[in-house]
């Protein structure tokens, strides 16, 4: 894992097309702005896990019905 330090207003560029900007730091919360191409899904971790769980359950249902 790469660990970087950034100040508000500074950015990290990933793969030349994804930009992550530190917008604000208040206490122990960091607000990030993410710019990515429309074909790159960007989710909070907890939402991503729910999507993965739903996809796995859907796949299990399809396999059970066959």
PDB file of N, CA and C in Angstrom:
ATOM      1  N   UNK A   1       0.847  -1.175   0.000  1.00  0.00           N
ATOM      2  CA  UNK A   1       0.000   0.000   0.000  1.00  0.00           C
ATOM      3  C   UNK A   1       0.891   1.235   0.000  1.00  0.00           C
ATOM      4  N   UNK A   2       0.583   2.146  -0.881  1.00  0.00           N
ATOM      5  CA  UNK A   2       1.277   3.426  -0.930  1.00  0.00           C
ATOM      6  C   UNK A   2       0.593   4.377   0.038  1.00  0.00           C
ATOM      7  N   UNK A   3       1.353   5.008   0.913  1.00  0.00           N
ATOM      8  CA  UNK A   3       0.794   5.957   1.877  1.00  0.00           C
ATOM      9  C   UNK A   3       1.359   7.339   1.549  1.00  0.00           C
ATOM     10  N   UNK A   4       0.459   8.289   1.322  1.00  0.00           N
ATOM     11  CA  UNK A   4       0.858   9.644   0.962  1.00  0.00           C
ATOM     12  C   UNK A   4       0.261  10.647   1.933  1.00  0.00           C
ATOM     13  N   UNK A   5       0.943  11.737   2.122  1.00  0.00           N
ATOM     14  CA  UNK A   5       0.409  12.849   2.910  1.00  0.00           C
ATOM     15  C   UNK A   5       0.018  13.956   1.947  1.00  0.00           C
ATOM     16  N   UNK A   6      -1.167  14.513   2.141  1.00  0.00           N
ATOM     17  CA  UNK A   6      -1.653  15.600   1.307  1.00  0.00           C
ATOM     18  C   UNK A   6      -2.306  16.646   2.186  1.00  0.00           C
ATOM     19  N   UNK A   7      -2.251  17.881   1.748  1.00  0.00           N
ATOM     20  CA  UNK A   7      -2.910  18.990   2.434  1.00  0.00           C
ATOM     21  C   UNK A   7      -4.172  19.349   1.652  1.00  0.00           C
ATOM     22  N   UNK A   8      -5.114  20.048   2.293  1.00  0.00           N
ATOM     23  CA  UNK A   8      -6.309  20.483   1.553  1.00  0.00           C
ATOM     24  C   UNK A   8      -5.921  21.219   0.275  1.00  0.00           C
ATOM     25  N   UNK A   9      -6.598  20.863  -0.819  1.00  0.00           N
ATOM     26  CA  UNK A   9      -6.328  21.460  -2.118  1.00  0.00           C
ATOM     27  C   UNK A   9      -5.342  20.668  -2.955  1.00  0.00           C
ATOM     28  N   UNK A  10      -4.604  19.764  -2.339  1.00  0.00           N
ATOM     29  CA  UNK A  10      -3.629  18.967  -3.081  1.00  0.00           C
ATOM     30  C   UNK A  10      -4.308  17.712  -3.637  1.00  0.00           C
ATOM     31  N   UNK A  11      -3.718  17.168  -4.710  1.00  0.00           N
ATOM     32  CA  UNK A  11      -4.311  16.030  -5.407  1.00  0.00           C
ATOM     33  C   UNK A  11      -3.345  14.870  -5.524  1.00  0.00           C
ATOM     34  N   UNK A  12      -3.941  13.717  -5.793  1.00  0.00           N
ATOM     35  CA  UNK A  12      -3.218  12.507  -6.175  1.00  0.00           C
ATOM     36  C   UNK A  12      -3.792  12.107  -7.529  1.00  0.00           C
ATOM     37  N   UNK A  13      -2.940  11.735  -8.474  1.00  0.00           N
ATOM     38  CA  UNK A  13      -3.382  11.304  -9.794  1.00  0.00           C
ATOM     39  C   UNK A  13      -3.092   9.815  -9.925  1.00  0.00           C
ATOM     40  N   UNK A  14      -4.108   9.062 -10.350  1.00  0.00           N
ATOM     41  CA  UNK A  14      -3.988   7.610 -10.495  1.00  0.00           C
ATOM     42  C   UNK A  14      -4.186   7.263 -11.963  1.00  0.00           C
ATOM     43  N   UNK A  15      -3.192   6.656 -12.554  1.00  0.00           N
ATOM     44  CA  UNK A  15      -3.300   6.195 -13.934  1.00  0.00           C
ATOM     45  C   UNK A  15      -3.539   7.294 -14.957  1.00  0.00           C
ATOM     46  N   UNK A  16      -3.298   8.519 -14.591  1.00  0.00           N
ATOM     47  CA  UNK A  16      -3.447   9.623 -15.528  1.00  0.00           C
ATOM     48  C   UNK A  16      -4.883  10.074 -15.753  1.00  0.00           C
ATOM     49  N   UNK A  17      -5.869   9.316 -15.268  1.00  0.00           N
ATOM     50  CA  UNK A  17      -7.260   9.669 -15.537  1.00  0.00           C
ATOM     51  C   UNK A  17      -8.104   9.846 -14.286  1.00  0.00           C
ATOM     52  N   UNK A  18      -7.590   9.429 -13.159  1.00  0.00           N
ATOM     53  CA  UNK A  18      -8.340   9.534 -11.906  1.00  0.00           C
ATOM     54  C   UNK A  18      -7.615  10.512 -10.995  1.00  0.00           C
ATOM     55  N   UNK A  19      -8.359  11.491 -10.482  1.00  0.00           N
ATOM     56  CA  UNK A  19      -7.784  12.494  -9.589  1.00  0.00           C
ATOM     57  C   UNK A  19      -8.534  12.465  -8.269  1.00  0.00           C
ATOM     58  N   UNK A  20      -7.772  12.433  -7.187  1.00  0.00           N
ATOM     59  CA  UNK A  20      -8.343  12.461  -5.843  1.00  0.00           C
ATOM     60  C   UNK A  20      -7.813  13.715  -5.166  1.00  0.00           C
ATOM     61  N   UNK A  21      -8.719  14.614  -4.794  1.00  0.00           N
ATOM     62  CA  UNK A  21      -8.329  15.884  -4.182  1.00  0.00           C
ATOM     63  C   UNK A  21      -8.810  15.923  -2.736  1.00  0.00           C
ATOM     64  N   UNK A  22      -7.934  16.363  -1.851  1.00  0.00           N
ATOM     65  CA  UNK A  22      -8.328  16.589  -0.457  1.00  0.00           C
ATOM     66  C   UNK A  22      -9.039  17.934  -0.423  1.00  0.00           C
ATOM     67  N   UNK A  23     -10.337  17.902  -0.114  1.00  0.00           N
ATOM     68  CA  UNK A  23     -11.122  19.126  -0.098  1.00  0.00           C
ATOM     69  C   UNK A  23     -11.069  19.808   1.259  1.00  0.00           C
ATOM     70  N   UNK A  24     -11.151  19.005   2.316  1.00  0.00           N
ATOM     71  CA  UNK A  24     -11.271  19.587   3.649  1.00  0.00           C
ATOM     72  C   UNK A  24     -10.890  18.550   4.693  1.00  0.00           C
ATOM     73  N   UNK A  25     -10.286  19.013   5.763  1.00  0.00           N
ATOM     74  CA  UNK A  25     -10.000  18.162   6.915  1.00  0.00           C
ATOM     75  C   UNK A  25     -10.601  18.858   8.129  1.00  0.00           C
ATOM     76  N   UNK A  26     -11.541  18.164   8.782  1.00  0.00           N
ATOM     77  CA  UNK A  26     -12.180  18.704   9.978  1.00  0.00           C
ATOM     78  C   UNK A  26     -12.125  17.618  11.043  1.00  0.00           C
ATOM     79  N   UNK A  27     -11.340  17.850  12.079  1.00  0.00           N
ATOM     80  CA  UNK A  27     -11.193  16.834  13.124  1.00  0.00           C
ATOM     81  C   UNK A  27     -10.604  15.570  12.537  1.00  0.00           C
ATOM     82  N   UNK A  28     -11.333  14.453  12.696  1.00  0.00           N
ATOM     83  CA  UNK A  28     -10.828  13.182  12.173  1.00  0.00           C
ATOM     84  C   UNK A  28     -11.521  12.793  10.864  1.00  0.00           C
ATOM     85  N   UNK A  29     -12.166  13.754  10.193  1.00  0.00           N
ATOM     86  CA  UNK A  29     -12.825  13.489   8.911  1.00  0.00           C
ATOM     87  C   UNK A  29     -12.093  14.199   7.787  1.00  0.00           C
ATOM     88  N   UNK A  30     -11.953  13.486   6.679  1.00  0.00           N
ATOM     89  CA  UNK A  30     -11.333  14.040   5.481  1.00  0.00           C
ATOM     90  C   UNK A  30     -12.369  14.003   4.366  1.00  0.00           C
ATOM     91  N   UNK A  31     -12.637  15.121   3.733  1.00  0.00           N
ATOM     92  CA  UNK A  31     -13.544  15.166   2.576  1.00  0.00           C
ATOM     93  C   UNK A  31     -12.687  15.094   1.324  1.00  0.00           C
ATOM     94  N   UNK A  32     -13.022  14.145   0.446  1.00  0.00           N
ATOM     95  CA  UNK A  32     -12.287  13.934  -0.786  1.00  0.00           C
ATOM     96  C   UNK A  32     -13.176  14.235  -1.980  1.00  0.00           C
ATOM     97  N   UNK A  33     -12.595  14.775  -3.019  1.00  0.00           N
ATOM     98  CA  UNK A  33     -13.275  14.925  -4.302  1.00  0.00           C
ATOM     99  C   UNK A  33     -12.593  13.992  -5.282  1.00  0.00           C
ATOM    100  N   UNK A  34     -13.376  13.227  -6.027  1.00  0.00           N
ATOM    101  CA  UNK A  34     -12.819  12.242  -6.958  1.00  0.00           C
ATOM    102  C   UNK A  34     -13.337  12.536  -8.353  1.00  0.00           C
ATOM    103  N   UNK A  35     -12.412  12.703  -9.285  1.00  0.00           N
ATOM    104  CA  UNK A  35     -12.750  12.867 -10.699  1.00  0.00           C
ATOM    105  C   UNK A  35     -12.244  11.635 -11.427  1.00  0.00           C
ATOM    106  N   UNK A  36     -13.165  10.960 -12.117  1.00  0.00           N
ATOM    107  CA  UNK A  36     -12.807   9.753 -12.851  1.00  0.00           C
ATOM    108  C   UNK A  36     -13.641   9.684 -14.122  1.00  0.00           C
ATOM    109  N   UNK A  37     -13.153   8.971 -15.131  1.00  0.00           N
ATOM    110  CA  UNK A  37     -13.961   8.785 -16.337  1.00  0.00           C
ATOM    111  C   UNK A  37     -15.289   8.115 -15.982  1.00  0.00           C
ATOM    112  N   UNK A  38     -16.306   8.374 -16.787  1.00  0.00           N
ATOM    113  CA  UNK A  38     -17.642   7.849 -16.483  1.00  0.00           C
ATOM    114  C   UNK A  38     -17.705   6.329 -16.508  1.00  0.00           C
ATOM    115  N   UNK A  39     -16.743   5.662 -17.155  1.00  0.00           N
ATOM    116  CA  UNK A  39     -16.763   4.199 -17.189  1.00  0.00           C
ATOM    117  C   UNK A  39     -16.036   3.568 -15.993  1.00  0.00           C
ATOM    118  N   UNK A  40     -15.542   4.400 -15.085  1.00  0.00           N
ATOM    119  CA  UNK A  40     -14.872   3.898 -13.879  1.00  0.00           C
ATOM    120  C   UNK A  40     -15.806   4.097 -12.690  1.00  0.00           C
ATOM    121  N   UNK A  41     -16.325   2.989 -12.127  1.00  0.00           N
ATOM    122  CA  UNK A  41     -17.218   3.134 -10.980  1.00  0.00           C
ATOM    123  C   UNK A  41     -16.432   3.589  -9.741  1.00  0.00           C
ATOM    124  N   UNK A  42     -17.011   4.508  -8.995  1.00  0.00           N
ATOM    125  CA  UNK A  42     -16.397   4.992  -7.758  1.00  0.00           C
ATOM    126  C   UNK A  42     -17.444   4.868  -6.655  1.00  0.00           C
ATOM    127  N   UNK A  43     -17.129   4.093  -5.618  1.00  0.00           N
ATOM    128  CA  UNK A  43     -18.072   3.846  -4.529  1.00  0.00           C
ATOM    129  C   UNK A  43     -17.351   3.945  -3.190  1.00  0.00           C
ATOM    130  N   UNK A  44     -18.109   4.284  -2.148  1.00  0.00           N
ATOM    131  CA  UNK A  44     -17.591   4.127  -0.788  1.00  0.00           C
ATOM    132  C   UNK A  44     -17.460   2.627  -0.536  1.00  0.00           C
ATOM    133  N   UNK A  45     -16.541   2.242   0.339  1.00  0.00           N
ATOM    134  CA  UNK A  45     -16.274   0.825   0.576  1.00  0.00           C
ATOM    135  C   UNK A  45     -17.524   0.059   0.984  1.00  0.00           C
ATOM    136  N   UNK A  46     -18.333   0.627   1.888  1.00  0.00           N
ATOM    137  CA  UNK A  46     -19.510  -0.105   2.360  1.00  0.00           C
ATOM    138  C   UNK A  46     -20.536  -0.309   1.247  1.00  0.00           C
ATOM    139  N   UNK A  47     -20.641   0.634   0.330  1.00  0.00           N
ATOM    140  CA  UNK A  47     -21.540   0.485  -0.817  1.00  0.00           C
ATOM    141  C   UNK A  47     -20.988  -0.573  -1.771  1.00  0.00           C
ATOM    142  N   UNK A  48     -19.690  -0.550  -1.995  1.00  0.00           N
ATOM    143  CA  UNK A  48     -19.055  -1.535  -2.875  1.00  0.00           C
ATOM    144  C   UNK A  48     -19.274  -2.949  -2.345  1.00  0.00           C
ATOM    145  N   UNK A  49     -19.121  -3.132  -1.018  1.00  0.00           N
ATOM    146  CA  UNK A  49     -19.357  -4.458  -0.426  1.00  0.00           C
ATOM    147  C   UNK A  49     -20.793  -4.914  -0.656  1.00  0.00           C
ATOM    148  N   UNK A  50     -21.755  -4.008  -0.509  1.00  0.00           N
ATOM    149  CA  UNK A  50     -23.160  -4.368  -0.735  1.00  0.00           C
ATOM    150  C   UNK A  50     -23.397  -4.766  -2.195  1.00  0.00           C
ATOM    151  N   UNK A  51     -22.787  -4.063  -3.106  1.00  0.00           N
ATOM    152  CA  UNK A  51     -22.912  -4.398  -4.527  1.00  0.00           C
ATOM    153  C   UNK A  51     -22.352  -5.792  -4.784  1.00  0.00           C
ATOM    154  N   UNK A  52     -21.188  -6.080  -4.196  1.00  0.00           N
ATOM    155  CA  UNK A  52     -20.566  -7.393  -4.375  1.00  0.00           C
ATOM    156  C   UNK A  52     -21.428  -8.500  -3.772  1.00  0.00           C
ATOM    157  N   UNK A  53     -21.987  -8.257  -2.589  1.00  0.00           N
ATOM    158  CA  UNK A  53     -22.849  -9.248  -1.944  1.00  0.00           C
ATOM    159  C   UNK A  53     -24.103  -9.495  -2.778  1.00  0.00           C
ATOM    160  N   UNK A  54     -24.687  -8.434  -3.309  1.00  0.00           N
ATOM    161  CA  UNK A  54     -25.865  -8.571  -4.149  1.00  0.00           C
ATOM    162  C   UNK A  54     -25.538  -9.385  -5.400  1.00  0.00           C
ATOM    163  N   UNK A  55     -24.401  -9.081  -6.034  1.00  0.00           N
ATOM    164  CA  UNK A  55     -24.002  -9.796  -7.251  1.00  0.00           C
ATOM    165  C   UNK A  55     -23.766 -11.275  -6.949  1.00  0.00           C
ATOM    166  N   UNK A  56     -23.151 -11.572  -5.799  1.00  0.00           N
ATOM    167  CA  UNK A  56     -22.905 -12.971  -5.428  1.00  0.00           C
ATOM    168  C   UNK A  56     -24.223 -13.695  -5.177  1.00  0.00           C
ATOM    169  N   UNK A  57     -25.152 -13.049  -4.488  1.00  0.00           N
ATOM    170  CA  UNK A  57     -26.451 -13.664  -4.214  1.00  0.00           C
ATOM    171  C   UNK A  57     -27.221 -13.878  -5.514  1.00  0.00           C
ATOM    172  N   UNK A  58     -27.162 -12.924  -6.416  1.00  0.00           N
ATOM    173  CA  UNK A  58     -27.830 -13.047  -7.702  1.00  0.00           C
ATOM    174  C   UNK A  58     -27.237 -14.200  -8.502  1.00  0.00           C
ATOM    175  N   UNK A  59     -25.917 -14.333  -8.480  1.00  0.00           N
ATOM    176  CA  UNK A  59     -25.245 -15.425  -9.183  1.00  0.00           C
ATOM    177  C   UNK A  59     -25.642 -16.778  -8.594  1.00  0.00           C
ATOM    178  N   UNK A  60     -25.722 -16.849  -7.264  1.00  0.00           N
ATOM    179  CA  UNK A  60     -26.142 -18.089  -6.601  1.00  0.00           C
ATOM    180  C   UNK A  60     -27.575 -18.455  -7.005  1.00  0.00           C
ATOM    181  N   UNK A  61     -28.441 -17.461  -7.085  1.00  0.00           N
ATOM    182  CA  UNK A  61     -29.838 -17.690  -7.457  1.00  0.00           C
ATOM    183  C   UNK A  61     -29.931 -18.211  -8.886  1.00  0.00           C
ATOM    184  N   UNK A  62     -29.161 -17.620  -9.782  1.00  0.00           N
ATOM    185  CA  UNK A  62     -29.161 -18.044 -11.185  1.00  0.00           C
ATOM    186  C   UNK A  62     -28.656 -19.467 -11.287  1.00  0.00           C
ATOM    187  N   UNK A  63     -27.580 -19.785 -10.563  1.00  0.00           N
ATOM    188  CA  UNK A  63     -27.019 -21.148 -10.605  1.00  0.00           C
ATOM    189  C   UNK A  63     -27.985 -22.159 -10.002  1.00  0.00           C
ATOM    190  N   UNK A  64     -28.740 -21.776  -8.990  1.00  0.00           N
ATOM    191  CA  UNK A  64     -29.707 -22.674  -8.352  1.00  0.00           C
ATOM    192  C   UNK A  64     -30.860 -22.976  -9.298  1.00  0.00           C
ATOM    193  N   UNK A  65     -31.244 -22.017 -10.117  1.00  0.00           N
ATOM    194  CA  UNK A  65     -32.396 -22.167 -11.023  1.00  0.00           C
ATOM    195  C   UNK A  65     -32.053 -22.960 -12.268  1.00  0.00           C
ATOM    196  N   UNK A  66     -30.788 -23.199 -12.506  1.00  0.00           N
ATOM    197  CA  UNK A  66     -30.393 -23.904 -13.753  1.00  0.00           C
ATOM    198  C   UNK A  66     -30.359 -25.394 -13.564  1.00  0.00           C
TER     199      UNK A  66
END
